[in-house]
N, C-alpha and C. Protein backbone atom coordinates (compact mmCIF):
# COMPACT_ATOMS: atom_id res chain seq x y z
N UNK A 1 -13.29 -5.82 2.55
CA UNK A 1 -11.97 -6.25 2.08
C UNK A 1 -11.70 -5.57 0.75
N UNK A 2 -10.44 -5.22 0.54
CA UNK A 2 -10.01 -4.63 -0.72
C UNK A 2 -8.80 -5.39 -1.22
N UNK A 3 -8.71 -5.52 -2.53
CA UNK A 3 -7.54 -6.08 -3.18
C UNK A 3 -7.04 -5.06 -4.18
N UNK A 4 -5.75 -4.73 -4.08
CA UNK A 4 -5.12 -3.78 -4.98
C UNK A 4 -3.96 -4.50 -5.66
N UNK A 5 -3.98 -4.52 -6.99
CA UNK A 5 -2.91 -5.14 -7.76
C UNK A 5 -2.08 -4.03 -8.40
N UNK A 6 -0.77 -4.07 -8.18
CA UNK A 6 0.12 -3.05 -8.68
C UNK A 6 1.10 -3.67 -9.67
N UNK A 7 1.09 -3.17 -10.89
CA UNK A 7 2.11 -3.51 -11.88
C UNK A 7 3.05 -2.32 -11.88
N UNK A 8 4.19 -2.46 -11.21
CA UNK A 8 5.02 -1.31 -10.85
C UNK A 8 5.74 -0.65 -12.01
N UNK A 9 5.86 -1.31 -13.12
CA UNK A 9 6.52 -0.68 -14.26
C UNK A 9 7.72 -1.47 -14.74
N UNK A 10 8.78 -0.75 -15.04
CA UNK A 10 9.94 -1.35 -15.69
C UNK A 10 10.61 -2.44 -14.85
N UNK A 11 10.45 -2.41 -13.54
CA UNK A 11 11.03 -3.46 -12.69
C UNK A 11 10.37 -4.81 -12.96
N UNK A 12 9.13 -4.77 -13.44
CA UNK A 12 8.41 -6.00 -13.78
C UNK A 12 7.72 -6.68 -12.62
N UNK A 13 7.84 -6.13 -11.42
CA UNK A 13 7.23 -6.77 -10.26
C UNK A 13 5.75 -6.44 -10.16
N UNK A 14 4.99 -7.46 -9.83
CA UNK A 14 3.57 -7.30 -9.57
C UNK A 14 3.36 -7.54 -8.08
N UNK A 15 2.63 -6.65 -7.46
CA UNK A 15 2.35 -6.75 -6.04
C UNK A 15 0.85 -6.78 -5.83
N UNK A 16 0.40 -7.71 -5.00
CA UNK A 16 -1.01 -7.79 -4.65
C UNK A 16 -1.16 -7.47 -3.17
N UNK A 17 -2.00 -6.50 -2.90
CA UNK A 17 -2.21 -6.02 -1.53
C UNK A 17 -3.65 -6.34 -1.14
N UNK A 18 -3.83 -7.05 -0.05
CA UNK A 18 -5.16 -7.32 0.50
C UNK A 18 -5.29 -6.61 1.83
N UNK A 19 -6.35 -5.85 1.98
CA UNK A 19 -6.61 -5.14 3.23
C UNK A 19 -8.00 -5.51 3.72
N UNK A 20 -8.12 -5.66 5.04
CA UNK A 20 -9.40 -6.04 5.61
C UNK A 20 -9.54 -5.44 7.00
N UNK A 21 -10.75 -4.98 7.31
CA UNK A 21 -11.02 -4.41 8.62
C UNK A 21 -12.38 -4.86 9.11
N UNK A 22 -12.42 -5.32 10.35
CA UNK A 22 -13.70 -5.71 10.96
C UNK A 22 -14.40 -4.53 11.62
N UNK A 23 -13.62 -3.53 12.06
CA UNK A 23 -14.21 -2.40 12.78
C UNK A 23 -14.10 -1.08 12.02
N UNK A 24 -13.68 -1.14 10.76
CA UNK A 24 -13.54 0.04 9.90
C UNK A 24 -12.44 0.99 10.40
N UNK A 25 -11.50 0.49 11.22
CA UNK A 25 -10.38 1.31 11.65
C UNK A 25 -9.08 0.52 11.70
N UNK A 26 -9.04 -0.57 12.47
CA UNK A 26 -7.83 -1.40 12.48
C UNK A 26 -7.85 -2.26 11.21
N UNK A 27 -6.77 -2.17 10.45
CA UNK A 27 -6.73 -2.82 9.15
C UNK A 27 -5.61 -3.85 9.10
N UNK A 28 -5.97 -5.08 8.73
CA UNK A 28 -4.99 -6.12 8.48
C UNK A 28 -4.50 -5.96 7.04
N UNK A 29 -3.19 -6.00 6.86
CA UNK A 29 -2.59 -5.82 5.55
C UNK A 29 -1.80 -7.07 5.20
N UNK A 30 -2.07 -7.62 4.02
CA UNK A 30 -1.34 -8.78 3.52
C UNK A 30 -0.81 -8.43 2.14
N UNK A 31 0.49 -8.62 1.94
CA UNK A 31 1.12 -8.22 0.68
C UNK A 31 1.85 -9.43 0.08
N UNK A 32 1.58 -9.68 -1.20
CA UNK A 32 2.27 -10.74 -1.95
C UNK A 32 3.02 -10.09 -3.10
N UNK A 33 4.30 -10.40 -3.22
CA UNK A 33 5.14 -9.80 -4.26
C UNK A 33 6.40 -10.62 -4.45
N UNK A 34 7.06 -10.43 -5.58
CA UNK A 34 8.37 -11.02 -5.80
C UNK A 34 9.49 -10.01 -5.54
N UNK A 35 9.13 -8.76 -5.27
CA UNK A 35 10.13 -7.72 -5.00
C UNK A 35 10.69 -7.93 -3.59
N UNK A 36 11.98 -8.09 -3.49
CA UNK A 36 12.60 -8.35 -2.18
C UNK A 36 12.44 -7.16 -1.23
N UNK A 37 12.43 -5.94 -1.76
CA UNK A 37 12.29 -4.76 -0.91
C UNK A 37 10.88 -4.67 -0.32
N UNK A 38 9.88 -4.92 -1.15
CA UNK A 38 8.50 -4.88 -0.67
C UNK A 38 8.21 -6.07 0.24
N UNK A 39 8.82 -7.22 -0.04
CA UNK A 39 8.67 -8.37 0.87
C UNK A 39 9.18 -8.03 2.25
N UNK A 40 10.33 -7.38 2.33
CA UNK A 40 10.88 -7.00 3.63
C UNK A 40 9.96 -6.01 4.33
N UNK A 41 9.43 -5.07 3.58
CA UNK A 41 8.49 -4.10 4.14
C UNK A 41 7.25 -4.82 4.66
N UNK A 42 6.74 -5.76 3.88
CA UNK A 42 5.52 -6.50 4.24
C UNK A 42 5.69 -7.31 5.51
N UNK A 43 6.92 -7.76 5.77
CA UNK A 43 7.15 -8.56 6.97
C UNK A 43 6.90 -7.76 8.25
N UNK A 44 6.98 -6.43 8.16
CA UNK A 44 6.73 -5.58 9.33
C UNK A 44 5.38 -4.88 9.29
N UNK A 45 4.67 -4.99 8.17
CA UNK A 45 3.41 -4.27 8.02
C UNK A 45 2.26 -5.26 8.04
N UNK A 46 1.73 -5.51 9.23
CA UNK A 46 0.66 -6.49 9.39
C UNK A 46 -0.68 -5.85 9.71
N UNK A 47 -0.68 -4.94 10.67
CA UNK A 47 -1.91 -4.23 11.07
C UNK A 47 -1.56 -2.77 11.27
N UNK A 48 -2.50 -1.92 10.86
CA UNK A 48 -2.31 -0.49 11.03
C UNK A 48 -3.62 0.14 11.48
N UNK A 49 -3.53 1.32 12.07
CA UNK A 49 -4.70 2.13 12.35
C UNK A 49 -5.02 2.87 11.06
N UNK A 50 -6.11 2.50 10.44
CA UNK A 50 -6.46 3.05 9.14
C UNK A 50 -6.64 4.55 9.14
N UNK A 51 -7.21 5.09 10.20
CA UNK A 51 -7.43 6.53 10.25
C UNK A 51 -6.11 7.28 10.36
N UNK A 52 -5.18 6.75 11.15
CA UNK A 52 -3.87 7.40 11.25
C UNK A 52 -3.15 7.37 9.92
N UNK A 53 -3.27 6.27 9.19
CA UNK A 53 -2.60 6.15 7.89
C UNK A 53 -3.23 7.06 6.85
N UNK A 54 -4.55 7.07 6.79
CA UNK A 54 -5.25 7.78 5.73
C UNK A 54 -5.29 9.29 5.92
N UNK A 55 -5.23 9.74 7.16
CA UNK A 55 -5.31 11.17 7.41
C UNK A 55 -3.96 11.79 7.78
N UNK A 56 -2.90 11.01 7.69
CA UNK A 56 -1.55 11.53 7.94
C UNK A 56 -1.07 12.29 6.70
N UNK A 57 -0.13 13.18 6.90
CA UNK A 57 0.52 13.82 5.76
C UNK A 57 1.35 12.78 5.03
N UNK A 58 1.61 13.03 3.75
CA UNK A 58 2.42 12.10 2.96
C UNK A 58 3.77 11.92 3.65
N UNK A 59 4.16 10.68 3.82
CA UNK A 59 5.46 10.36 4.40
C UNK A 59 5.46 10.21 5.91
N UNK A 60 4.31 10.36 6.57
CA UNK A 60 4.29 10.36 8.03
C UNK A 60 3.84 9.04 8.64
N UNK A 61 2.88 8.35 8.08
CA UNK A 61 2.32 7.15 8.69
C UNK A 61 3.26 5.96 8.68
N UNK A 62 2.78 4.87 9.23
CA UNK A 62 3.56 3.63 9.34
C UNK A 62 3.94 3.08 7.96
N UNK A 63 3.03 3.17 7.00
CA UNK A 63 3.33 2.66 5.65
C UNK A 63 4.55 3.38 5.08
N UNK A 64 4.54 4.69 5.13
CA UNK A 64 5.66 5.44 4.56
C UNK A 64 6.92 5.35 5.42
N UNK A 65 6.77 5.16 6.71
CA UNK A 65 7.94 4.94 7.57
C UNK A 65 8.66 3.67 7.13
N UNK A 66 7.89 2.61 6.89
CA UNK A 66 8.50 1.35 6.44
C UNK A 66 8.98 1.46 5.00
N UNK A 67 8.29 2.23 4.17
CA UNK A 67 8.75 2.44 2.79
C UNK A 67 10.12 3.14 2.79
N UNK A 68 10.29 4.12 3.67
CA UNK A 68 11.60 4.79 3.77
C UNK A 68 12.68 3.80 4.18
N UNK A 69 12.32 2.86 5.03
CA UNK A 69 13.28 1.88 5.52
C UNK A 69 13.65 0.85 4.45
N UNK A 70 12.68 0.42 3.64
CA UNK A 70 12.90 -0.71 2.75
C UNK A 70 12.90 -0.41 1.25
N UNK A 71 12.07 0.53 0.80
CA UNK A 71 11.99 0.79 -0.65
C UNK A 71 13.25 1.49 -1.12
N UNK A 72 13.78 1.04 -2.22
CA UNK A 72 15.01 1.62 -2.76
C UNK A 72 14.75 2.54 -3.95
N UNK A 73 13.47 2.78 -4.24
CA UNK A 73 13.12 3.59 -5.40
C UNK A 73 12.01 4.56 -5.01
N UNK A 74 12.30 5.84 -5.03
CA UNK A 74 11.35 6.85 -4.57
C UNK A 74 10.04 6.85 -5.36
N UNK A 75 10.08 6.43 -6.62
CA UNK A 75 8.88 6.44 -7.45
C UNK A 75 8.05 5.16 -7.34
N UNK A 76 8.41 4.27 -6.45
CA UNK A 76 7.66 3.02 -6.29
C UNK A 76 6.21 3.34 -5.94
N UNK A 77 5.25 2.82 -6.73
CA UNK A 77 3.84 3.12 -6.47
C UNK A 77 3.21 2.26 -5.38
N UNK A 78 3.92 1.27 -4.86
CA UNK A 78 3.33 0.33 -3.91
C UNK A 78 2.89 1.00 -2.60
N UNK A 79 3.70 1.85 -1.97
CA UNK A 79 3.23 2.46 -0.72
C UNK A 79 1.91 3.22 -0.89
N UNK A 80 1.77 3.96 -1.95
CA UNK A 80 0.52 4.67 -2.21
C UNK A 80 -0.64 3.70 -2.40
N UNK A 81 -0.38 2.60 -3.09
CA UNK A 81 -1.41 1.59 -3.32
C UNK A 81 -1.85 0.95 -2.01
N UNK A 82 -0.92 0.77 -1.09
CA UNK A 82 -1.27 0.23 0.23
C UNK A 82 -2.24 1.17 0.94
N UNK A 83 -1.94 2.47 0.89
CA UNK A 83 -2.82 3.46 1.51
C UNK A 83 -4.20 3.42 0.87
N UNK A 84 -4.27 3.30 -0.46
CA UNK A 84 -5.56 3.22 -1.13
C UNK A 84 -6.35 2.00 -0.64
N UNK A 85 -5.69 0.87 -0.48
CA UNK A 85 -6.36 -0.33 0.03
C UNK A 85 -6.86 -0.13 1.45
N UNK A 86 -6.08 0.56 2.27
CA UNK A 86 -6.49 0.85 3.65
C UNK A 86 -7.72 1.75 3.65
N UNK A 87 -7.72 2.76 2.79
CA UNK A 87 -8.89 3.65 2.69
C UNK A 87 -10.16 2.86 2.39
N UNK A 88 -10.07 1.95 1.45
CA UNK A 88 -11.24 1.16 1.05
C UNK A 88 -11.69 0.26 2.20
N UNK A 89 -10.74 -0.38 2.87
CA UNK A 89 -11.07 -1.28 3.98
C UNK A 89 -11.77 -0.53 5.11
N UNK A 90 -11.45 0.75 5.28
CA UNK A 90 -12.06 1.57 6.34
C UNK A 90 -13.35 2.25 5.89
N UNK A 91 -13.70 2.09 4.63
CA UNK A 91 -14.90 2.76 4.13
C UNK A 91 -14.69 4.23 3.85
N UNK A 92 -13.45 4.65 3.69
CA UNK A 92 -13.13 6.06 3.46
C UNK A 92 -13.01 6.41 1.98
N UNK A 93 -13.04 5.40 1.12
CA UNK A 93 -12.95 5.63 -0.33
C UNK A 93 -13.65 4.48 -1.04
N UNK A 94 -14.08 4.76 -2.24
CA UNK A 94 -14.66 3.71 -3.08
C UNK A 94 -13.55 3.03 -3.86
N UNK A 95 -13.73 1.77 -4.19
CA UNK A 95 -12.71 1.06 -4.97
C UNK A 95 -12.72 1.52 -6.43
N UNK A 96 -11.81 2.39 -6.77
CA UNK A 96 -11.66 2.90 -8.12
C UNK A 96 -10.20 2.79 -8.54
N UNK A 97 -9.99 2.50 -9.82
CA UNK A 97 -8.63 2.37 -10.34
C UNK A 97 -7.92 3.71 -10.34
N UNK A 98 -6.62 3.64 -10.14
CA UNK A 98 -5.71 4.78 -10.27
C UNK A 98 -4.77 4.41 -11.41
N UNK A 99 -4.46 5.37 -12.26
CA UNK A 99 -3.69 5.00 -13.45
C UNK A 99 -2.64 6.06 -13.77
N UNK A 100 -1.45 5.58 -14.12
CA UNK A 100 -0.41 6.42 -14.70
C UNK A 100 -0.34 6.08 -16.18
N UNK A 101 -0.25 7.04 -17.04
CA UNK A 101 0.04 6.80 -18.45
C UNK A 101 1.31 7.55 -18.74
N UNK A 102 2.36 6.83 -19.06
CA UNK A 102 3.68 7.43 -19.20
C UNK A 102 4.16 7.25 -20.64
N UNK A 103 4.62 8.32 -21.23
CA UNK A 103 5.23 8.24 -22.57
C UNK A 103 6.53 9.02 -22.55
N UNK A 104 7.37 8.74 -23.48
CA UNK A 104 8.65 9.44 -23.49
C UNK A 104 9.20 9.61 -24.87
């Protein structure tokens, strides 16, 4: 099981993504957030084939298909974070933090 917490930035929304796989391929995805766009996306994103998601080109898998449908901000980090959680649940990556440092 993996838990990924995303503090998305100026929008102020925090999203918690839990991913779990019993067979290291089919992954159950559970998303908790106050963002209405990500909530709508989460309502359709319950189980995915982890290998199809992790080895697809950017924008091709089910996660990004639903992100195109529901996310209203191209820079939203949540879809990428979902993929990272899926990778960990499948044993394809180690749980390590990803970080943006932004200044202006």
